[in-house]
Amino acid sequence: MIGGKAEPVTYKGRGAVHLVPAPSTDNGDEDMIAILAGPDFKDGTIEVDVAGAPLSGAPPDSRGFIGVAFRVQEKGQKGEYFYIRPTNARCDDQLRRNHTTQYVSAPDYPWQRLRKENPGVYESYADMDTGAWTRMKIVVTGTKALLYVNGASQPALVVNDLKLGDSHGQIGLWAHSTTDAYFSNLAVR
């Protein structure tokens, strides 16, 4: 576990993994990632239920960032990520709503760079409710990845050029340190 600890809990009636930030983060700009032991992941489908909301006392611009890392390498230093910003989904600012889902690639393609160089390409809208269970389904083939949200038949986000290329690595449960983050029902095929 990087940036915090993972603990088993019951959240909204189901067993879950809760990511808890390290005390040293103090609502700073830090990541939490639980890298899963298991087989090497290259292509396939990852499904998981996530529930994220800003922690009590988090800065006002906290969004409840939560998602999945895949093809994680070098003990979390490199990886591809799909995540959601649940508080954006139902706000009354359309531009913010358009930033509900996000793709990034560590370390060279953070959201700021992708948004500046390719506005609107690596993020999109999907409906969800803050703190509620949200189903994420990620389908990865070669350098393409699709993010489906809450059982939709069409992807909310399509990435045709994964920045780490046709690579492989581990899977991780990811959240920002300002997020109260829960994960349940993980399935990898």
C-alpha atoms as a PDB file:
ATOM      1  CA  MET A   1       0.000   0.000   0.000  1.00  0.00           C
ATOM      2  CA  ILE A   2       1.340   3.407  -0.968  1.00  0.00           C
ATOM      3  CA  GLY A   3       0.191   6.625   0.720  1.00  0.00           C
ATOM      4  CA  GLY A   4      -2.028   5.077   3.358  1.00  0.00           C
ATOM      5  CA  LYS A   5      -3.514   1.797   4.486  1.00  0.00           C
ATOM      6  CA  ALA A   6      -6.218  -0.561   3.263  1.00  0.00           C
ATOM      7  CA  GLU A   7      -8.675  -1.964   5.785  1.00  0.00           C
ATOM      8  CA  PRO A   8     -11.678  -4.301   5.508  1.00  0.00           C
ATOM      9  CA  VAL A   9     -14.985  -2.633   6.432  1.00  0.00           C
ATOM     10  CA  THR A  10     -18.711  -2.770   5.780  1.00  0.00           C
ATOM     11  CA  TYR A  11     -19.939   0.224   3.777  1.00  0.00           C
ATOM     12  CA  LYS A  12     -23.572   0.723   2.741  1.00  0.00           C
ATOM     13  CA  GLY A  13     -24.383  -2.875   3.577  1.00  0.00           C
ATOM     14  CA  ARG A  14     -21.549  -4.687   1.855  1.00  0.00           C
ATOM     15  CA  GLY A  15     -18.025  -5.831   2.526  1.00  0.00           C
ATOM     16  CA  ALA A  16     -15.470  -3.403   1.171  1.00  0.00           C
ATOM     17  CA  VAL A  17     -11.861  -2.299   1.198  1.00  0.00           C
ATOM     18  CA  HIS A  18     -11.462   1.191   2.658  1.00  0.00           C
ATOM     19  CA  LEU A  19      -8.388   3.213   1.695  1.00  0.00           C
ATOM     20  CA  VAL A  20      -7.297   5.466   4.550  1.00  0.00           C
ATOM     21  CA  PRO A  21      -4.700   8.190   3.892  1.00  0.00           C
ATOM     22  CA  ALA A  22      -1.456   8.248   5.830  1.00  0.00           C
ATOM     23  CA  PRO A  23      -1.533  10.837   8.642  1.00  0.00           C
ATOM     24  CA  SER A  24       1.344  12.665   6.966  1.00  0.00           C
ATOM     25  CA  THR A  25      -0.830  13.617   3.960  1.00  0.00           C
ATOM     26  CA  ASP A  26      -3.015  16.011   6.014  1.00  0.00           C
ATOM     27  CA  ASN A  27      -5.410  16.608   3.078  1.00  0.00           C
ATOM     28  CA  GLY A  28      -2.453  17.296   0.785  1.00  0.00           C
ATOM     29  CA  ASP A  29      -2.131  16.430  -2.886  1.00  0.00           C
ATOM     30  CA  GLU A  30      -1.182  12.762  -2.459  1.00  0.00           C
ATOM     31  CA  ASP A  31      -2.216   9.447  -4.000  1.00  0.00           C
ATOM     32  CA  MET A  32      -3.270   6.286  -2.225  1.00  0.00           C
ATOM     33  CA  ILE A  33      -2.858   3.045  -4.131  1.00  0.00           C
ATOM     34  CA  ALA A  34      -3.322  -0.538  -3.003  1.00  0.00           C
ATOM     35  CA  ILE A  35      -1.380  -2.564  -5.562  1.00  0.00           C
ATOM     36  CA  LEU A  36      -2.911  -6.011  -5.773  1.00  0.00           C
ATOM     37  CA  ALA A  37      -0.907  -9.193  -5.590  1.00  0.00           C
ATOM     38  CA  GLY A  38      -1.795 -11.477  -8.419  1.00  0.00           C
ATOM     39  CA  PRO A  39      -1.180 -12.231 -12.039  1.00  0.00           C
ATOM     40  CA  ASP A  40       0.369  -9.795 -14.462  1.00  0.00           C
ATOM     41  CA  PHE A  41      -2.351  -7.830 -16.324  1.00  0.00           C
ATOM     42  CA  LYS A  42      -1.992  -6.943 -20.004  1.00  0.00           C
ATOM     43  CA  ASP A  43      -5.373  -7.173 -21.742  1.00  0.00           C
ATOM     44  CA  GLY A  44      -8.774  -7.984 -20.307  1.00  0.00           C
ATOM     45  CA  THR A  45     -11.643  -6.606 -18.263  1.00  0.00           C
ATOM     46  CA  ILE A  46     -11.544  -5.120 -14.770  1.00  0.00           C
ATOM     47  CA  GLU A  47     -14.822  -4.528 -12.946  1.00  0.00           C
ATOM     48  CA  VAL A  48     -15.206  -3.000  -9.503  1.00  0.00           C
ATOM     49  CA  ASP A  49     -17.736  -1.063  -7.453  1.00  0.00           C
ATOM     50  CA  VAL A  50     -16.337   2.167  -5.997  1.00  0.00           C
ATOM     51  CA  ALA A  51     -17.794   4.725  -3.605  1.00  0.00           C
ATOM     52  CA  GLY A  52     -15.981   7.995  -3.126  1.00  0.00           C
ATOM     53  CA  ALA A  53     -16.692  11.293  -1.437  1.00  0.00           C
ATOM     54  CA  PRO A  54     -14.504  14.101  -0.108  1.00  0.00           C
ATOM     55  CA  LEU A  55     -13.253  13.437   3.416  1.00  0.00           C
ATOM     56  CA  SER A  56     -14.677  15.578   6.191  1.00  0.00           C
ATOM     57  CA  GLY A  57     -12.434  18.636   6.449  1.00  0.00           C
ATOM     58  CA  ALA A  58     -11.019  18.206   2.931  1.00  0.00           C
ATOM     59  CA  PRO A  59     -10.321  21.351   0.875  1.00  0.00           C
ATOM     60  CA  PRO A  60     -13.361  22.817  -0.949  1.00  0.00           C
ATOM     61  CA  ASP A  61     -12.028  21.747  -4.366  1.00  0.00           C
ATOM     62  CA  SER A  62     -11.942  18.051  -3.364  1.00  0.00           C
ATOM     63  CA  ARG A  63     -14.057  15.906  -5.691  1.00  0.00           C
ATOM     64  CA  GLY A  64     -13.920  12.382  -4.229  1.00  0.00           C
ATOM     65  CA  PHE A  65     -11.355  11.136  -6.785  1.00  0.00           C
ATOM     66  CA  ILE A  66     -11.480   7.318  -6.934  1.00  0.00           C
ATOM     67  CA  GLY A  67     -10.681   4.648  -9.499  1.00  0.00           C
ATOM     68  CA  VAL A  68      -8.474   1.878 -10.821  1.00  0.00           C
ATOM     69  CA  ALA A  69      -4.846   1.716 -11.888  1.00  0.00           C
ATOM     70  CA  PHE A  70      -3.821  -0.951 -14.386  1.00  0.00           C
ATOM     71  CA  ARG A  71      -0.566  -2.049 -15.954  1.00  0.00           C
ATOM     72  CA  VAL A  72       1.116  -0.657 -12.827  1.00  0.00           C
ATOM     73  CA  GLN A  73       4.904  -0.925 -12.906  1.00  0.00           C
ATOM     74  CA  GLU A  74       7.917   0.026 -10.807  1.00  0.00           C
ATOM     75  CA  LYS A  75       6.076  -0.227  -7.457  1.00  0.00           C
ATOM     76  CA  GLY A  76       3.455   2.320  -8.476  1.00  0.00           C
ATOM     77  CA  GLN A  77       5.729   4.798 -10.233  1.00  0.00           C
ATOM     78  CA  LYS A  78       4.204   4.028 -13.660  1.00  0.00           C
ATOM     79  CA  GLY A  79       0.677   3.052 -14.618  1.00  0.00           C
ATOM     80  CA  GLU A  80      -2.525   3.776 -16.514  1.00  0.00           C
ATOM     81  CA  TYR A  81      -5.525   5.099 -14.539  1.00  0.00           C
ATOM     82  CA  PHE A  82      -9.249   5.555 -14.977  1.00  0.00           C
ATOM     83  CA  TYR A  83     -10.946   7.442 -12.180  1.00  0.00           C
ATOM     84  CA  ILE A  84     -14.097   9.379 -11.417  1.00  0.00           C
ATOM     85  CA  ARG A  85     -14.885  12.661  -9.685  1.00  0.00           C
ATOM     86  CA  PRO A  86     -18.324  11.906  -8.153  1.00  0.00           C
ATOM     87  CA  THR A  87     -19.074  15.445  -6.941  1.00  0.00           C
ATOM     88  CA  ASN A  88     -18.793  16.734 -10.513  1.00  0.00           C
ATOM     89  CA  ALA A  89     -21.563  14.521 -11.909  1.00  0.00           C
ATOM     90  CA  ARG A  90     -24.559  16.423 -10.577  1.00  0.00           C
ATOM     91  CA  CYS A  91     -23.231  19.931 -10.031  1.00  0.00           C
ATOM     92  CA  ASP A  92     -24.760  22.888 -11.892  1.00  0.00           C
ATOM     93  CA  ASP A  93     -21.538  23.805 -13.743  1.00  0.00           C
ATOM     94  CA  GLN A  94     -21.521  22.065 -17.148  1.00  0.00           C
ATOM     95  CA  LEU A  95     -17.754  22.327 -17.627  1.00  0.00           C
ATOM     96  CA  ARG A  96     -17.185  20.624 -14.272  1.00  0.00           C
ATOM     97  CA  ARG A  97     -19.737  17.934 -15.172  1.00  0.00           C
ATOM     98  CA  ASN A  98     -17.697  17.231 -18.324  1.00  0.00           C
ATOM     99  CA  HIS A  99     -14.773  16.348 -16.017  1.00  0.00           C
ATOM    100  CA  THR A 100     -16.552  13.494 -14.183  1.00  0.00           C
ATOM    101  CA  THR A 101     -14.469  10.648 -15.672  1.00  0.00           C
ATOM    102  CA  GLN A 102     -10.726  10.866 -16.312  1.00  0.00           C
ATOM    103  CA  TYR A 103      -7.816   8.951 -17.838  1.00  0.00           C
ATOM    104  CA  VAL A 104      -4.211   9.678 -16.836  1.00  0.00           C
ATOM    105  CA  SER A 105      -0.891   7.900 -17.209  1.00  0.00           C
ATOM    106  CA  ALA A 106       1.833   8.182 -14.582  1.00  0.00           C
ATOM    107  CA  PRO A 107       4.304   9.683 -14.480  1.00  0.00           C
ATOM    108  CA  ASP A 108       4.373  11.653 -17.743  1.00  0.00           C
ATOM    109  CA  TYR A 109       0.696  12.376 -18.454  1.00  0.00           C
ATOM    110  CA  PRO A 110      -1.081  13.881 -15.418  1.00  0.00           C
ATOM    111  CA  TRP A 111      -4.567  15.325 -15.885  1.00  0.00           C
ATOM    112  CA  GLN A 112      -3.255  18.885 -16.170  1.00  0.00           C
ATOM    113  CA  ARG A 113      -1.053  18.036 -19.156  1.00  0.00           C
ATOM    114  CA  LEU A 114      -3.715  15.968 -20.910  1.00  0.00           C
ATOM    115  CA  ARG A 115      -6.374  18.654 -20.391  1.00  0.00           C
ATOM    116  CA  LYS A 116      -4.050  21.407 -21.660  1.00  0.00           C
ATOM    117  CA  GLU A 117      -2.732  19.513 -24.706  1.00  0.00           C
ATOM    118  CA  ASN A 118      -5.979  17.698 -25.656  1.00  0.00           C
ATOM    119  CA  PRO A 119      -9.018  19.434 -24.099  1.00  0.00           C
ATOM    120  CA  GLY A 120     -11.970  17.091 -23.677  1.00  0.00           C
ATOM    121  CA  VAL A 121     -10.222  14.001 -25.074  1.00  0.00           C
ATOM    122  CA  TYR A 122      -9.265  12.191 -21.850  1.00  0.00           C
ATOM    123  CA  GLU A 123     -12.280  13.079 -19.679  1.00  0.00           C
ATOM    124  CA  SER A 124     -16.050  13.023 -20.035  1.00  0.00           C
ATOM    125  CA  TYR A 125     -19.393  13.011 -18.262  1.00  0.00           C
ATOM    126  CA  ALA A 126     -21.128  10.048 -16.608  1.00  0.00           C
ATOM    127  CA  ASP A 127     -23.984  10.142 -14.123  1.00  0.00           C
ATOM    128  CA  MET A 128     -23.302   9.040 -10.540  1.00  0.00           C
ATOM    129  CA  ASP A 129     -24.031  10.093  -6.997  1.00  0.00           C
ATOM    130  CA  THR A 130     -21.367  11.116  -4.485  1.00  0.00           C
ATOM    131  CA  GLY A 131     -20.696   8.404  -1.905  1.00  0.00           C
ATOM    132  CA  ALA A 132     -22.951   5.855  -3.642  1.00  0.00           C
ATOM    133  CA  TRP A 133     -21.715   2.606  -5.129  1.00  0.00           C
ATOM    134  CA  THR A 134     -20.672   3.206  -8.733  1.00  0.00           C
ATOM    135  CA  ARG A 135     -19.786   0.312 -11.040  1.00  0.00           C
ATOM    136  CA  MET A 136     -16.647   0.801 -13.132  1.00  0.00           C
ATOM    137  CA  LYS A 137     -15.850  -1.571 -15.986  1.00  0.00           C
ATOM    138  CA  ILE A 138     -12.558  -1.154 -17.840  1.00  0.00           C
ATOM    139  CA  VAL A 139     -11.865  -3.080 -21.040  1.00  0.00           C
ATOM    140  CA  VAL A 140      -8.224  -3.042 -22.179  1.00  0.00           C
ATOM    141  CA  THR A 141      -6.906  -4.293 -25.522  1.00  0.00           C
ATOM    142  CA  GLY A 142      -3.425  -3.332 -26.691  1.00  0.00           C
ATOM    143  CA  THR A 143      -3.209   0.470 -26.632  1.00  0.00           C
ATOM    144  CA  LYS A 144      -6.987   0.997 -26.296  1.00  0.00           C
ATOM    145  CA  ALA A 145      -9.071   1.153 -23.115  1.00  0.00           C
ATOM    146  CA  LEU A 146     -12.785   1.756 -22.567  1.00  0.00           C
ATOM    147  CA  LEU A 147     -14.441   2.912 -19.340  1.00  0.00           C
ATOM    148  CA  TYR A 148     -18.068   1.941 -18.724  1.00  0.00           C
ATOM    149  CA  VAL A 149     -19.953   3.407 -15.755  1.00  0.00           C
ATOM    150  CA  ASN A 150     -22.931   1.907 -13.901  1.00  0.00           C
ATOM    151  CA  GLY A 151     -23.706  -0.823 -16.431  1.00  0.00           C
ATOM    152  CA  ALA A 152     -24.038   1.480 -19.441  1.00  0.00           C
ATOM    153  CA  SER A 153     -23.972  -0.307 -22.810  1.00  0.00           C
ATOM    154  CA  GLN A 154     -21.719   2.390 -24.266  1.00  0.00           C
ATOM    155  CA  PRO A 155     -18.410   3.573 -22.779  1.00  0.00           C
ATOM    156  CA  ALA A 156     -18.295   6.921 -20.987  1.00  0.00           C
ATOM    157  CA  LEU A 157     -14.652   7.338 -21.990  1.00  0.00           C
ATOM    158  CA  VAL A 158     -12.650   5.914 -24.909  1.00  0.00           C
ATOM    159  CA  VAL A 159      -8.840   6.078 -24.908  1.00  0.00           C
ATOM    160  CA  ASN A 160      -7.262   4.967 -28.178  1.00  0.00           C
ATOM    161  CA  ASP A 161      -3.650   5.735 -27.255  1.00  0.00           C
ATOM    162  CA  LEU A 162      -2.679   4.438 -23.823  1.00  0.00           C
ATOM    163  CA  LYS A 163       0.451   6.395 -22.997  1.00  0.00           C
ATOM    164  CA  LEU A 164       2.478   3.411 -21.724  1.00  0.00           C
ATOM    165  CA  GLY A 165       1.789   1.640 -25.013  1.00  0.00           C
ATOM    166  CA  ASP A 166       1.043  -2.065 -25.271  1.00  0.00           C
ATOM    167  CA  SER A 167       2.445  -2.824 -21.815  1.00  0.00           C
ATOM    168  CA  HIS A 168       1.578  -4.946 -18.783  1.00  0.00           C
ATOM    169  CA  GLY A 169       1.733  -4.774 -14.992  1.00  0.00           C
ATOM    170  CA  GLN A 170      -0.308  -5.036 -11.821  1.00  0.00           C
ATOM    171  CA  ILE A 171      -3.747  -3.706 -10.908  1.00  0.00           C
ATOM    172  CA  GLY A 172      -4.288  -1.174  -8.140  1.00  0.00           C
ATOM    173  CA  LEU A 173      -7.174   0.399  -6.250  1.00  0.00           C
ATOM    174  CA  TRP A 174      -6.537   4.149  -6.384  1.00  0.00           C
ATOM    175  CA  ALA A 175      -7.900   7.263  -4.649  1.00  0.00           C
ATOM    176  CA  HIS A 176      -6.744  10.756  -3.800  1.00  0.00           C
ATOM    177  CA  SER A 177      -5.780  11.334  -0.171  1.00  0.00           C
ATOM    178  CA  THR A 178      -8.705  13.764   0.270  1.00  0.00           C
ATOM    179  CA  THR A 179     -11.188  10.987  -0.579  1.00  0.00           C
ATOM    180  CA  ASP A 180     -13.201   8.674   1.647  1.00  0.00           C
ATOM    181  CA  ALA A 181     -12.659   5.685  -0.673  1.00  0.00           C
ATOM    182  CA  TYR A 182     -14.365   2.265  -0.742  1.00  0.00           C
ATOM    183  CA  PHE A 183     -14.003  -0.657  -3.165  1.00  0.00           C
ATOM    184  CA  SER A 184     -16.096  -3.834  -3.519  1.00  0.00           C
ATOM    185  CA  ASN A 185     -16.826  -6.699  -5.925  1.00  0.00           C
ATOM    186  CA  LEU A 186     -13.551  -6.633  -7.870  1.00  0.00           C
ATOM    187  CA  ALA A 187     -13.444  -9.034 -10.826  1.00  0.00           C
ATOM    188  CA  VAL A 188     -10.631  -9.387 -13.369  1.00  0.00           C
ATOM    189  CA  ARG A 189     -10.998 -11.413 -16.571  1.00  0.00           C
END
